Amino acid sequence: MKLISVNVGQPRSVEWHGREVATSIFKAPVAGPVMLRTLNLDGDRQADLSVHGGAHKAVYVYPSEHYDFWRRELPGVDLPWGMFGENFTAAGLLEDVGIGDRFQVGDAEVIVSEPRVPCYKLSLKFGRPDMVKRFLASGRTGFYVMVAKEGQVQAGDEIKLLGRADQSVSVADVTRLYASKQPDPAILRRAVDLEALSDAWRNFLRDRLAQSELEIPDT
């Protein structure tokens, strides 16, 4: 596993449907070492802290392997590293990683914390109103990590697995719990107890579990 690109960006204002929107989805690769801190990388900042940022969303990771899929899906679209708003473009890290899995990246250590659920700003970035729907439906969402140990990172760093979380649920499964009209109750029960999940995700999944149990017919 390898860190292919480190990407950062600052908030900017862009026009979207006739109004000015602040966004940090425009990321660009950085050459050389960058300090990864508890809330973000040096040189990177989130625009709307009500829905972005925080310890559980310190770094957004996107698999480099998905770029070939999107080149086929979006012919003629330029797709440089960082195009999906990711901080880390990584090879060998897919959505089968478990929530709570721990990795070393350069001098830093990170913990997989939650899937990415895209907002309208992904459509803004690509100039396509259907991009959010296509992105979520593809299952190629990437994921967030929180920082367990601060340290320097740079493109080319090896990514080492330090430990798997016990009784975890994969990023892909949590995304399906979010998107499915009939989420699997057994996976929901496991997911709500995952220590690495944010309170917002845990509360959301608890509500889904409660709803699914209400819908189970009496026998």
N, C-alpha and C. Protein backbone atom coordinates (compact mmCIF):
# COMPACT_ATOMS: atom_id res chain seq x y z
N MET A 1 0.85 -1.19 0.00
CA MET A 1 0.00 0.00 0.00
C MET A 1 0.88 1.24 0.00
N LYS A 2 0.42 2.25 -0.71
CA LYS A 2 1.29 3.41 -0.93
C LYS A 2 0.47 4.69 -1.03
N LEU A 3 1.05 5.78 -0.54
CA LEU A 3 0.46 7.10 -0.68
C LEU A 3 0.93 7.68 -2.01
N ILE A 4 0.00 7.84 -2.93
CA ILE A 4 0.33 8.28 -4.29
C ILE A 4 0.45 9.80 -4.37
N SER A 5 -0.46 10.50 -3.70
CA SER A 5 -0.47 11.96 -3.78
C SER A 5 -1.05 12.54 -2.50
N VAL A 6 -0.49 13.65 -2.04
CA VAL A 6 -1.03 14.43 -0.92
C VAL A 6 -1.59 15.71 -1.51
N ASN A 7 -2.86 15.99 -1.23
CA ASN A 7 -3.57 17.09 -1.88
C ASN A 7 -4.20 18.02 -0.84
N VAL A 8 -4.02 19.31 -1.03
CA VAL A 8 -4.57 20.29 -0.10
C VAL A 8 -5.26 21.41 -0.87
N GLY A 9 -6.08 22.16 -0.16
CA GLY A 9 -6.76 23.30 -0.77
C GLY A 9 -7.32 24.23 0.27
N GLN A 10 -7.53 25.47 -0.12
CA GLN A 10 -8.11 26.49 0.75
C GLN A 10 -9.52 26.82 0.25
N PRO A 11 -10.37 27.31 1.14
CA PRO A 11 -11.72 27.68 0.70
C PRO A 11 -11.69 28.73 -0.41
N ARG A 12 -12.61 28.57 -1.33
CA ARG A 12 -12.79 29.57 -2.39
C ARG A 12 -14.28 29.74 -2.64
N SER A 13 -14.64 30.87 -3.20
CA SER A 13 -16.03 31.12 -3.54
C SER A 13 -16.25 30.86 -5.02
N VAL A 14 -17.28 30.08 -5.32
CA VAL A 14 -17.64 29.79 -6.71
C VAL A 14 -19.15 29.97 -6.87
N GLU A 15 -19.57 30.19 -8.10
CA GLU A 15 -21.00 30.36 -8.35
C GLU A 15 -21.64 29.02 -8.64
N TRP A 16 -22.78 28.78 -8.02
CA TRP A 16 -23.52 27.52 -8.23
C TRP A 16 -25.00 27.84 -8.21
N HIS A 17 -25.66 27.63 -9.36
CA HIS A 17 -27.09 27.91 -9.49
C HIS A 17 -27.43 29.35 -9.07
N GLY A 18 -26.60 30.27 -9.50
CA GLY A 18 -26.90 31.68 -9.28
C GLY A 18 -26.53 32.22 -7.92
N ARG A 19 -25.81 31.47 -7.10
CA ARG A 19 -25.40 31.98 -5.80
C ARG A 19 -23.94 31.64 -5.53
N GLU A 20 -23.32 32.42 -4.66
CA GLU A 20 -21.94 32.20 -4.28
C GLU A 20 -21.86 31.12 -3.20
N VAL A 21 -20.99 30.15 -3.41
CA VAL A 21 -20.82 29.04 -2.47
C VAL A 21 -19.36 28.94 -2.08
N ALA A 22 -19.10 28.78 -0.79
CA ALA A 22 -17.74 28.57 -0.31
C ALA A 22 -17.44 27.07 -0.30
N THR A 23 -16.31 26.68 -0.86
CA THR A 23 -15.97 25.26 -0.92
C THR A 23 -14.46 25.06 -0.88
N SER A 24 -14.05 23.93 -0.34
CA SER A 24 -12.63 23.54 -0.34
C SER A 24 -12.42 22.26 -1.12
N ILE A 25 -13.34 21.91 -2.00
CA ILE A 25 -13.24 20.66 -2.73
C ILE A 25 -12.14 20.70 -3.79
N PHE A 26 -11.67 21.89 -4.11
CA PHE A 26 -10.60 22.02 -5.11
C PHE A 26 -9.25 21.79 -4.43
N LYS A 27 -8.69 20.60 -4.62
CA LYS A 27 -7.42 20.22 -4.00
C LYS A 27 -6.34 20.08 -5.09
N ALA A 28 -5.10 20.33 -4.70
CA ALA A 28 -3.98 20.18 -5.62
C ALA A 28 -2.85 19.43 -4.93
N PRO A 29 -2.11 18.60 -5.68
CA PRO A 29 -1.01 17.85 -5.09
C PRO A 29 0.08 18.76 -4.53
N VAL A 30 0.72 18.28 -3.46
CA VAL A 30 1.80 18.99 -2.80
C VAL A 30 3.08 18.19 -2.96
N ALA A 31 4.17 18.86 -3.29
CA ALA A 31 5.47 18.19 -3.38
C ALA A 31 6.18 18.28 -2.03
N GLY A 32 6.83 17.19 -1.64
CA GLY A 32 7.59 17.19 -0.40
C GLY A 32 6.75 16.87 0.82
N PRO A 33 7.37 16.85 1.98
CA PRO A 33 6.67 16.47 3.21
C PRO A 33 5.67 17.53 3.67
N VAL A 34 4.57 17.04 4.25
CA VAL A 34 3.53 17.90 4.79
C VAL A 34 3.20 17.38 6.19
N MET A 35 2.96 18.28 7.11
CA MET A 35 2.61 17.88 8.47
C MET A 35 1.13 17.56 8.56
N LEU A 36 0.85 16.35 9.03
CA LEU A 36 -0.53 15.93 9.28
C LEU A 36 -0.84 16.16 10.75
N ARG A 37 -1.83 16.99 11.00
CA ARG A 37 -2.20 17.32 12.38
C ARG A 37 -3.57 16.74 12.71
N THR A 38 -4.00 16.94 13.93
CA THR A 38 -5.21 16.28 14.43
C THR A 38 -6.43 16.60 13.58
N LEU A 39 -6.53 17.82 13.05
CA LEU A 39 -7.73 18.21 12.33
C LEU A 39 -7.56 18.33 10.83
N ASN A 40 -6.33 18.38 10.33
CA ASN A 40 -6.12 18.47 8.89
C ASN A 40 -4.63 18.51 8.57
N LEU A 41 -4.33 18.57 7.30
CA LEU A 41 -2.96 18.76 6.83
C LEU A 41 -2.61 20.24 6.82
N ASP A 42 -1.34 20.55 7.05
CA ASP A 42 -0.91 21.93 6.87
C ASP A 42 -1.20 22.36 5.44
N GLY A 43 -1.78 23.53 5.29
CA GLY A 43 -2.12 24.04 3.97
C GLY A 43 -3.50 23.66 3.50
N ASP A 44 -4.23 22.90 4.32
CA ASP A 44 -5.58 22.48 3.94
C ASP A 44 -6.57 23.04 4.96
N ARG A 45 -7.75 23.40 4.48
CA ARG A 45 -8.77 23.92 5.39
C ARG A 45 -10.15 23.64 4.81
N GLN A 46 -11.10 23.34 5.70
CA GLN A 46 -12.47 23.08 5.27
C GLN A 46 -13.26 24.39 5.24
N ALA A 47 -14.19 24.47 4.30
CA ALA A 47 -14.96 25.71 4.13
C ALA A 47 -16.15 25.78 5.07
N ASP A 48 -16.85 24.67 5.25
CA ASP A 48 -18.09 24.65 6.05
C ASP A 48 -17.92 23.64 7.17
N LEU A 49 -17.56 24.12 8.35
CA LEU A 49 -17.26 23.22 9.46
C LEU A 49 -18.52 22.60 10.07
N SER A 50 -19.69 23.03 9.63
CA SER A 50 -20.92 22.40 10.15
C SER A 50 -21.11 21.01 9.57
N VAL A 51 -20.53 20.74 8.40
CA VAL A 51 -20.69 19.42 7.77
C VAL A 51 -19.36 18.79 7.38
N HIS A 52 -18.30 19.58 7.37
CA HIS A 52 -16.98 19.06 6.99
C HIS A 52 -16.01 19.29 8.14
N GLY A 53 -14.92 18.56 8.10
CA GLY A 53 -13.88 18.75 9.09
C GLY A 53 -14.21 18.09 10.42
N GLY A 54 -13.41 18.40 11.42
CA GLY A 54 -13.53 17.75 12.72
C GLY A 54 -12.62 16.54 12.78
N ALA A 55 -12.44 16.02 13.98
CA ALA A 55 -11.49 14.93 14.19
C ALA A 55 -11.80 13.69 13.36
N HIS A 56 -13.08 13.37 13.16
CA HIS A 56 -13.44 12.16 12.41
C HIS A 56 -13.33 12.35 10.90
N LYS A 57 -13.17 13.59 10.47
CA LYS A 57 -13.02 13.87 9.04
C LYS A 57 -11.73 14.66 8.78
N ALA A 58 -10.69 14.30 9.49
CA ALA A 58 -9.44 15.04 9.36
C ALA A 58 -8.84 14.90 7.97
N VAL A 59 -8.94 13.68 7.41
CA VAL A 59 -8.33 13.40 6.10
C VAL A 59 -9.29 12.54 5.29
N TYR A 60 -9.47 12.93 4.05
CA TYR A 60 -10.28 12.13 3.13
C TYR A 60 -9.35 11.33 2.22
N VAL A 61 -9.55 10.01 2.19
CA VAL A 61 -8.72 9.09 1.42
C VAL A 61 -9.52 8.58 0.22
N TYR A 62 -8.91 8.61 -0.96
CA TYR A 62 -9.58 8.07 -2.14
C TYR A 62 -8.63 7.12 -2.87
N PRO A 63 -9.12 5.92 -3.23
CA PRO A 63 -8.26 4.94 -3.90
C PRO A 63 -7.89 5.37 -5.31
N SER A 64 -6.60 5.30 -5.62
CA SER A 64 -6.15 5.63 -6.97
C SER A 64 -6.72 4.67 -7.99
N GLU A 65 -7.03 3.44 -7.57
CA GLU A 65 -7.57 2.43 -8.48
C GLU A 65 -8.90 2.87 -9.10
N HIS A 66 -9.64 3.74 -8.42
CA HIS A 66 -10.96 4.15 -8.94
C HIS A 66 -10.86 5.13 -10.11
N TYR A 67 -9.72 5.74 -10.27
CA TYR A 67 -9.60 6.73 -11.34
C TYR A 67 -9.82 6.12 -12.72
N ASP A 68 -9.37 4.89 -12.95
CA ASP A 68 -9.60 4.25 -14.25
C ASP A 68 -11.08 4.06 -14.51
N PHE A 69 -11.83 3.69 -13.48
CA PHE A 69 -13.28 3.54 -13.61
C PHE A 69 -13.91 4.87 -14.06
N TRP A 70 -13.52 5.96 -13.39
CA TRP A 70 -14.13 7.24 -13.72
C TRP A 70 -13.67 7.77 -15.07
N ARG A 71 -12.48 7.40 -15.51
CA ARG A 71 -12.06 7.80 -16.86
C ARG A 71 -12.94 7.13 -17.91
N ARG A 72 -13.37 5.90 -17.63
CA ARG A 72 -14.30 5.23 -18.55
C ARG A 72 -15.70 5.82 -18.46
N GLU A 73 -16.11 6.17 -17.26
CA GLU A 73 -17.44 6.73 -17.05
C GLU A 73 -17.56 8.16 -17.56
N LEU A 74 -16.46 8.91 -17.49
CA LEU A 74 -16.48 10.33 -17.83
C LEU A 74 -15.42 10.63 -18.89
N PRO A 75 -15.59 10.09 -20.08
CA PRO A 75 -14.58 10.29 -21.12
C PRO A 75 -14.40 11.76 -21.44
N GLY A 76 -13.13 12.13 -21.59
CA GLY A 76 -12.82 13.51 -21.92
C GLY A 76 -12.67 14.44 -20.73
N VAL A 77 -13.00 13.94 -19.53
CA VAL A 77 -12.87 14.77 -18.32
C VAL A 77 -11.45 14.61 -17.76
N ASP A 78 -10.80 15.72 -17.49
CA ASP A 78 -9.46 15.69 -16.90
C ASP A 78 -9.57 15.26 -15.44
N LEU A 79 -8.80 14.25 -15.07
CA LEU A 79 -8.89 13.70 -13.71
C LEU A 79 -7.51 13.65 -13.05
N PRO A 80 -6.99 14.79 -12.65
CA PRO A 80 -5.73 14.79 -11.91
C PRO A 80 -5.95 14.27 -10.49
N TRP A 81 -4.87 13.85 -9.83
CA TRP A 81 -5.00 13.43 -8.43
C TRP A 81 -5.62 14.56 -7.61
N GLY A 82 -6.52 14.21 -6.74
CA GLY A 82 -7.22 15.20 -5.93
C GLY A 82 -8.53 15.65 -6.51
N MET A 83 -8.90 15.13 -7.68
CA MET A 83 -10.10 15.58 -8.37
C MET A 83 -11.36 15.35 -7.56
N PHE A 84 -11.38 14.33 -6.73
CA PHE A 84 -12.58 14.02 -5.95
C PHE A 84 -12.58 14.71 -4.59
N GLY A 85 -11.64 15.63 -4.41
CA GLY A 85 -11.57 16.39 -3.17
C GLY A 85 -10.80 15.68 -2.08
N GLU A 86 -10.09 14.60 -2.47
CA GLU A 86 -9.38 13.82 -1.45
C GLU A 86 -8.07 14.48 -1.04
N ASN A 87 -7.71 14.26 0.22
CA ASN A 87 -6.40 14.68 0.73
C ASN A 87 -5.32 13.66 0.41
N PHE A 88 -5.66 12.38 0.55
CA PHE A 88 -4.74 11.29 0.23
C PHE A 88 -5.28 10.52 -0.96
N THR A 89 -4.53 10.45 -2.04
CA THR A 89 -4.80 9.50 -3.10
C THR A 89 -3.91 8.30 -2.80
N ALA A 90 -4.51 7.14 -2.55
CA ALA A 90 -3.77 5.99 -2.05
C ALA A 90 -3.96 4.77 -2.92
N ALA A 91 -2.93 3.95 -3.02
CA ALA A 91 -3.01 2.68 -3.75
C ALA A 91 -3.04 1.53 -2.76
N GLY A 92 -3.99 0.60 -2.98
CA GLY A 92 -4.07 -0.59 -2.14
C GLY A 92 -5.01 -0.46 -0.96
N LEU A 93 -5.63 0.69 -0.81
CA LEU A 93 -6.61 0.90 0.27
C LEU A 93 -7.98 1.10 -0.35
N LEU A 94 -8.82 0.09 -0.27
CA LEU A 94 -10.15 0.16 -0.85
C LEU A 94 -11.21 0.21 0.25
N GLU A 95 -12.46 0.24 -0.17
CA GLU A 95 -13.56 0.37 0.78
C GLU A 95 -13.84 -0.91 1.58
N ASP A 96 -13.00 -1.95 1.39
CA ASP A 96 -13.13 -3.14 2.22
C ASP A 96 -12.40 -2.98 3.56
N VAL A 97 -11.72 -1.85 3.78
CA VAL A 97 -11.12 -1.63 5.09
C VAL A 97 -12.23 -1.48 6.13
N GLY A 98 -11.93 -1.83 7.37
CA GLY A 98 -12.92 -1.78 8.42
C GLY A 98 -12.88 -0.47 9.19
N ILE A 99 -14.03 -0.05 9.67
CA ILE A 99 -14.08 1.11 10.56
C ILE A 99 -13.27 0.77 11.81
N GLY A 100 -12.30 1.60 12.13
CA GLY A 100 -11.44 1.36 13.27
C GLY A 100 -10.10 0.75 12.93
N ASP A 101 -9.90 0.33 11.67
CA ASP A 101 -8.59 -0.18 11.25
C ASP A 101 -7.56 0.94 11.36
N ARG A 102 -6.36 0.56 11.77
CA ARG A 102 -5.31 1.56 12.04
C ARG A 102 -4.13 1.36 11.07
N PHE A 103 -3.63 2.48 10.53
CA PHE A 103 -2.55 2.44 9.56
C PHE A 103 -1.49 3.48 9.91
N GLN A 104 -0.25 3.17 9.53
CA GLN A 104 0.82 4.15 9.58
C GLN A 104 1.03 4.71 8.19
N VAL A 105 1.11 6.03 8.10
CA VAL A 105 1.39 6.73 6.84
C VAL A 105 2.52 7.70 7.13
N GLY A 106 3.69 7.46 6.55
CA GLY A 106 4.84 8.29 6.90
C GLY A 106 5.12 8.19 8.39
N ASP A 107 5.20 9.35 9.04
CA ASP A 107 5.42 9.38 10.48
C ASP A 107 4.12 9.40 11.28
N ALA A 108 3.00 9.46 10.58
CA ALA A 108 1.70 9.61 11.24
C ALA A 108 0.98 8.26 11.34
N GLU A 109 -0.02 8.23 12.22
CA GLU A 109 -0.90 7.07 12.33
C GLU A 109 -2.34 7.54 12.23
N VAL A 110 -3.15 6.80 11.47
CA VAL A 110 -4.54 7.19 11.24
C VAL A 110 -5.46 6.01 11.49
N ILE A 111 -6.72 6.30 11.76
CA ILE A 111 -7.74 5.28 12.03
C ILE A 111 -8.92 5.53 11.09
N VAL A 112 -9.36 4.50 10.39
CA VAL A 112 -10.52 4.62 9.50
C VAL A 112 -11.75 4.96 10.33
N SER A 113 -12.45 6.02 9.97
CA SER A 113 -13.52 6.52 10.82
C SER A 113 -14.92 6.49 10.21
N GLU A 114 -15.05 6.75 8.90
CA GLU A 114 -16.39 6.75 8.31
C GLU A 114 -16.31 6.85 6.79
N PRO A 115 -17.37 6.44 6.10
CA PRO A 115 -17.40 6.61 4.64
C PRO A 115 -17.60 8.07 4.28
N ARG A 116 -17.38 8.36 3.02
CA ARG A 116 -17.72 9.69 2.53
C ARG A 116 -19.11 9.64 1.91
N VAL A 117 -19.96 10.53 2.35
CA VAL A 117 -21.25 10.73 1.71
C VAL A 117 -21.18 12.07 1.00
N PRO A 118 -21.16 12.09 -0.32
CA PRO A 118 -20.91 13.34 -1.04
C PRO A 118 -22.07 14.31 -0.92
N CYS A 119 -21.73 15.60 -0.93
CA CYS A 119 -22.75 16.64 -0.98
C CYS A 119 -22.76 17.25 -2.39
N TYR A 120 -23.59 18.25 -2.58
CA TYR A 120 -23.77 18.84 -3.91
C TYR A 120 -22.48 19.44 -4.47
N LYS A 121 -21.50 19.69 -3.61
CA LYS A 121 -20.27 20.32 -4.09
C LYS A 121 -19.46 19.41 -5.01
N LEU A 122 -19.71 18.10 -4.93
CA LEU A 122 -19.07 17.21 -5.91
C LEU A 122 -19.64 17.47 -7.30
N SER A 123 -20.95 17.69 -7.38
CA SER A 123 -21.56 18.05 -8.66
C SER A 123 -21.05 19.40 -9.14
N LEU A 124 -20.87 20.31 -8.20
CA LEU A 124 -20.30 21.62 -8.54
C LEU A 124 -18.92 21.45 -9.16
N LYS A 125 -18.09 20.62 -8.54
CA LYS A 125 -16.71 20.43 -9.01
C LYS A 125 -16.68 19.88 -10.43
N PHE A 126 -17.55 18.91 -10.72
CA PHE A 126 -17.55 18.26 -12.02
C PHE A 126 -18.45 18.96 -13.03
N GLY A 127 -19.28 19.89 -12.55
CA GLY A 127 -20.21 20.55 -13.45
C GLY A 127 -21.27 19.61 -13.99
N ARG A 128 -21.63 18.60 -13.18
CA ARG A 128 -22.62 17.60 -13.59
C ARG A 128 -23.64 17.42 -12.47
N PRO A 129 -24.91 17.70 -12.72
CA PRO A 129 -25.91 17.57 -11.66
C PRO A 129 -26.12 16.14 -11.18
N ASP A 130 -25.72 15.16 -12.00
CA ASP A 130 -25.93 13.75 -11.63
C ASP A 130 -24.73 13.14 -10.90
N MET A 131 -23.70 13.93 -10.63
CA MET A 131 -22.45 13.34 -10.14
C MET A 131 -22.58 12.75 -8.74
N VAL A 132 -23.32 13.40 -7.87
CA VAL A 132 -23.48 12.87 -6.51
C VAL A 132 -24.17 11.51 -6.55
N LYS A 133 -25.24 11.41 -7.33
CA LYS A 133 -25.96 10.14 -7.44
C LYS A 133 -25.07 9.06 -8.04
N ARG A 134 -24.33 9.37 -9.08
CA ARG A 134 -23.47 8.39 -9.72
C ARG A 134 -22.34 7.95 -8.79
N PHE A 135 -21.79 8.91 -8.07
CA PHE A 135 -20.69 8.63 -7.16
C PHE A 135 -21.12 7.65 -6.07
N LEU A 136 -22.26 7.92 -5.44
CA LEU A 136 -22.75 7.06 -4.36
C LEU A 136 -23.15 5.69 -4.90
N ALA A 137 -23.80 5.66 -6.06
CA ALA A 137 -24.23 4.39 -6.65
C ALA A 137 -23.05 3.52 -7.05
N SER A 138 -21.92 4.14 -7.37
CA SER A 138 -20.75 3.37 -7.81
C SER A 138 -20.13 2.56 -6.69
N GLY A 139 -20.36 2.98 -5.44
CA GLY A 139 -19.70 2.34 -4.31
C GLY A 139 -18.26 2.77 -4.14
N ARG A 140 -17.78 3.60 -5.03
CA ARG A 140 -16.38 4.06 -5.00
C ARG A 140 -16.32 5.42 -4.31
N THR A 141 -16.55 5.39 -3.02
CA THR A 141 -16.74 6.62 -2.26
C THR A 141 -15.50 7.08 -1.52
N GLY A 142 -14.53 6.18 -1.31
CA GLY A 142 -13.43 6.52 -0.43
C GLY A 142 -13.91 6.59 1.01
N PHE A 143 -13.07 7.13 1.89
CA PHE A 143 -13.42 7.15 3.31
C PHE A 143 -12.58 8.18 4.04
N TYR A 144 -13.02 8.51 5.25
CA TYR A 144 -12.30 9.44 6.11
C TYR A 144 -11.48 8.67 7.14
N VAL A 145 -10.41 9.32 7.59
CA VAL A 145 -9.63 8.81 8.71
C VAL A 145 -9.45 9.92 9.73
N MET A 146 -9.31 9.51 11.00
CA MET A 146 -8.92 10.44 12.03
C MET A 146 -7.46 10.19 12.39
N VAL A 147 -6.84 11.20 12.96
CA VAL A 147 -5.41 11.15 13.21
C VAL A 147 -5.15 10.68 14.64
N ALA A 148 -4.51 9.51 14.75
CA ALA A 148 -4.14 8.98 16.07
C ALA A 148 -2.78 9.49 16.52
N LYS A 149 -1.93 9.79 15.56
CA LYS A 149 -0.59 10.31 15.86
C LYS A 149 -0.20 11.28 14.76
N GLU A 150 0.12 12.50 15.12
CA GLU A 150 0.54 13.50 14.15
C GLU A 150 1.93 13.16 13.60
N GLY A 151 2.19 13.61 12.38
CA GLY A 151 3.50 13.36 11.79
C GLY A 151 3.55 13.84 10.36
N GLN A 152 4.74 13.79 9.78
CA GLN A 152 4.91 14.20 8.40
C GLN A 152 4.54 13.08 7.44
N VAL A 153 3.92 13.46 6.33
CA VAL A 153 3.56 12.53 5.26
C VAL A 153 3.98 13.14 3.94
N GLN A 154 4.20 12.30 2.94
CA GLN A 154 4.48 12.80 1.60
C GLN A 154 4.20 11.72 0.58
N ALA A 155 3.98 12.16 -0.66
CA ALA A 155 3.75 11.21 -1.76
C ALA A 155 4.91 10.23 -1.82
N GLY A 156 4.56 8.95 -2.00
CA GLY A 156 5.57 7.90 -2.06
C GLY A 156 5.71 7.13 -0.77
N ASP A 157 5.15 7.66 0.33
CA ASP A 157 5.23 6.95 1.61
C ASP A 157 4.51 5.60 1.54
N GLU A 158 5.10 4.61 2.20
CA GLU A 158 4.42 3.33 2.36
C GLU A 158 3.30 3.49 3.38
N ILE A 159 2.20 2.79 3.15
CA ILE A 159 1.09 2.74 4.10
C ILE A 159 1.10 1.35 4.73
N LYS A 160 1.26 1.29 6.05
CA LYS A 160 1.39 0.02 6.74
C LYS A 160 0.18 -0.24 7.64
N LEU A 161 -0.35 -1.44 7.56
CA LEU A 161 -1.43 -1.83 8.46
C LEU A 161 -0.85 -2.09 9.85
N LEU A 162 -1.39 -1.40 10.85
CA LEU A 162 -0.95 -1.60 12.23
C LEU A 162 -1.88 -2.52 13.01
N GLY A 163 -3.16 -2.54 12.62
CA GLY A 163 -4.10 -3.40 13.33
C GLY A 163 -5.49 -3.30 12.77
N ARG A 164 -6.19 -4.43 12.79
CA ARG A 164 -7.59 -4.47 12.39
C ARG A 164 -8.48 -4.32 13.61
N ALA A 165 -9.56 -3.59 13.47
CA ALA A 165 -10.51 -3.44 14.56
C ALA A 165 -11.30 -4.73 14.74
N ASP A 166 -11.52 -5.11 16.00
CA ASP A 166 -12.29 -6.32 16.29
C ASP A 166 -13.76 -6.12 15.93
N GLN A 167 -14.36 -7.15 15.36
CA GLN A 167 -15.79 -7.14 15.05
C GLN A 167 -16.20 -5.90 14.25
N SER A 168 -15.35 -5.51 13.32
CA SER A 168 -15.62 -4.29 12.59
C SER A 168 -16.60 -4.51 11.45
N VAL A 169 -16.96 -3.43 10.81
CA VAL A 169 -17.81 -3.41 9.62
C VAL A 169 -17.05 -2.60 8.57
N SER A 170 -17.06 -3.06 7.35
CA SER A 170 -16.29 -2.37 6.31
C SER A 170 -16.91 -1.03 5.95
N VAL A 171 -16.09 -0.18 5.38
CA VAL A 171 -16.59 1.10 4.86
C VAL A 171 -17.70 0.86 3.85
N ALA A 172 -17.50 -0.13 2.97
CA ALA A 172 -18.51 -0.43 1.94
C ALA A 172 -19.84 -0.82 2.58
N ASP A 173 -19.78 -1.62 3.65
CA ASP A 173 -21.02 -2.04 4.31
C ASP A 173 -21.73 -0.86 4.98
N VAL A 174 -20.97 0.04 5.60
CA VAL A 174 -21.59 1.21 6.23
C VAL A 174 -22.23 2.11 5.17
N THR A 175 -21.58 2.24 4.02
CA THR A 175 -22.17 3.01 2.93
C THR A 175 -23.48 2.40 2.48
N ARG A 176 -23.51 1.06 2.39
CA ARG A 176 -24.75 0.39 2.01
C ARG A 176 -25.83 0.58 3.07
N LEU A 177 -25.46 0.59 4.34
CA LEU A 177 -26.43 0.85 5.40
C LEU A 177 -27.04 2.24 5.24
N TYR A 178 -26.24 3.16 4.76
CA TYR A 178 -26.72 4.53 4.54
C TYR A 178 -27.66 4.59 3.34
N ALA A 179 -27.27 3.94 2.25
CA ALA A 179 -27.96 4.12 0.97
C ALA A 179 -29.14 3.17 0.75
N SER A 180 -29.11 2.01 1.40
CA SER A 180 -30.12 0.99 1.13
C SER A 180 -31.48 1.35 1.73
N LYS A 181 -32.54 1.02 1.01
CA LYS A 181 -33.88 1.21 1.54
C LYS A 181 -34.22 0.13 2.57
N GLN A 182 -33.52 -1.00 2.50
CA GLN A 182 -33.73 -2.07 3.46
C GLN A 182 -32.38 -2.56 3.98
N PRO A 183 -31.76 -1.80 4.88
CA PRO A 183 -30.45 -2.17 5.40
C PRO A 183 -30.50 -3.45 6.20
N ASP A 184 -29.40 -4.18 6.20
CA ASP A 184 -29.31 -5.45 6.91
C ASP A 184 -29.29 -5.20 8.42
N PRO A 185 -30.31 -5.67 9.16
CA PRO A 185 -30.35 -5.40 10.61
C PRO A 185 -29.16 -5.98 11.36
N ALA A 186 -28.65 -7.14 10.92
CA ALA A 186 -27.51 -7.75 11.61
C ALA A 186 -26.27 -6.87 11.51
N ILE A 187 -26.04 -6.32 10.32
CA ILE A 187 -24.89 -5.43 10.15
C ILE A 187 -25.12 -4.11 10.88
N LEU A 188 -26.35 -3.64 10.89
CA LEU A 188 -26.67 -2.43 11.64
C LEU A 188 -26.35 -2.60 13.13
N ARG A 189 -26.70 -3.74 13.68
CA ARG A 189 -26.44 -3.98 15.11
C ARG A 189 -24.94 -3.95 15.41
N ARG A 190 -24.14 -4.49 14.50
CA ARG A 190 -22.69 -4.44 14.69
C ARG A 190 -22.16 -3.03 14.52
N ALA A 191 -22.70 -2.32 13.55
CA ALA A 191 -22.17 -1.00 13.21
C ALA A 191 -22.39 0.02 14.33
N VAL A 192 -23.54 -0.04 15.01
CA VAL A 192 -23.82 0.98 16.02
C VAL A 192 -22.86 0.91 17.20
N ASP A 193 -22.17 -0.21 17.36
CA ASP A 193 -21.24 -0.36 18.48
C ASP A 193 -19.79 -0.06 18.11
N LEU A 194 -19.55 0.39 16.88
CA LEU A 194 -18.18 0.64 16.45
C LEU A 194 -17.62 1.89 17.14
N GLU A 195 -16.56 1.71 17.89
CA GLU A 195 -16.00 2.79 18.69
C GLU A 195 -15.49 3.95 17.84
N ALA A 196 -14.97 3.64 16.66
CA ALA A 196 -14.35 4.68 15.83
C ALA A 196 -15.35 5.57 15.12
N LEU A 197 -16.63 5.18 15.09
CA LEU A 197 -17.63 6.00 14.41
C LEU A 197 -17.89 7.29 15.18
N SER A 198 -18.21 8.34 14.45
CA SER A 198 -18.60 9.60 15.09
C SER A 198 -19.99 9.45 15.70
N ASP A 199 -20.31 10.33 16.64
CA ASP A 199 -21.64 10.30 17.26
C ASP A 199 -22.73 10.51 16.21
N ALA A 200 -22.46 11.36 15.24
CA ALA A 200 -23.47 11.63 14.20
C ALA A 200 -23.80 10.35 13.43
N TRP A 201 -22.77 9.60 13.04
CA TRP A 201 -23.01 8.35 12.32
C TRP A 201 -23.69 7.32 13.22
N ARG A 202 -23.23 7.22 14.46
CA ARG A 202 -23.82 6.23 15.36
C ARG A 202 -25.31 6.51 15.58
N ASN A 203 -25.64 7.78 15.79
CA ASN A 203 -27.05 8.14 16.00
C ASN A 203 -27.88 7.85 14.76
N PHE A 204 -27.31 8.15 13.59
CA PHE A 204 -28.02 7.86 12.34
C PHE A 204 -28.30 6.37 12.20
N LEU A 205 -27.29 5.55 12.47
CA LEU A 205 -27.45 4.10 12.32
C LEU A 205 -28.39 3.53 13.38
N ARG A 206 -28.38 4.09 14.57
CA ARG A 206 -29.33 3.66 15.60
C ARG A 206 -30.76 3.93 15.17
N ASP A 207 -30.97 5.09 14.56
CA ASP A 207 -32.31 5.41 14.05
C ASP A 207 -32.72 4.44 12.96
N ARG A 208 -31.80 4.09 12.07
CA ARG A 208 -32.09 3.14 11.01
C ARG A 208 -32.39 1.76 11.59
N LEU A 209 -31.64 1.38 12.62
CA LEU A 209 -31.87 0.08 13.26
C LEU A 209 -33.24 0.05 13.92
N ALA A 210 -33.58 1.10 14.63
CA ALA A 210 -34.88 1.17 15.27
C ALA A 210 -36.00 1.09 14.24
N GLN A 211 -35.84 1.78 13.13
CA GLN A 211 -36.84 1.74 12.07
C GLN A 211 -36.96 0.36 11.46
N SER A 212 -35.81 -0.29 11.23
CA SER A 212 -35.83 -1.63 10.61
C SER A 212 -36.50 -2.64 11.53
N GLU A 213 -36.31 -2.49 12.83
CA GLU A 213 -36.94 -3.42 13.78
C GLU A 213 -38.44 -3.21 13.86
N LEU A 214 -38.87 -1.97 13.67
CA LEU A 214 -40.32 -1.70 13.64
C LEU A 214 -40.98 -2.31 12.42
N GLU A 215 -40.19 -2.44 11.33
CA GLU A 215 -40.74 -2.94 10.08
C GLU A 215 -40.74 -4.45 9.99
N ILE A 216 -40.13 -5.15 10.97
CA ILE A 216 -40.12 -6.61 10.94
C ILE A 216 -41.52 -7.12 11.28
N PRO A 217 -42.15 -7.90 10.37
CA PRO A 217 -43.52 -8.35 10.61
C PRO A 217 -43.59 -9.37 11.76
N ASP A 218 -44.69 -9.35 12.49
CA ASP A 218 -44.91 -10.34 13.55
C ASP A 218 -45.11 -11.73 12.92
N THR A 219 -44.61 -12.75 13.60
CA THR A 219 -44.79 -14.14 13.10
C THR A 219 -45.72 -14.90 14.01
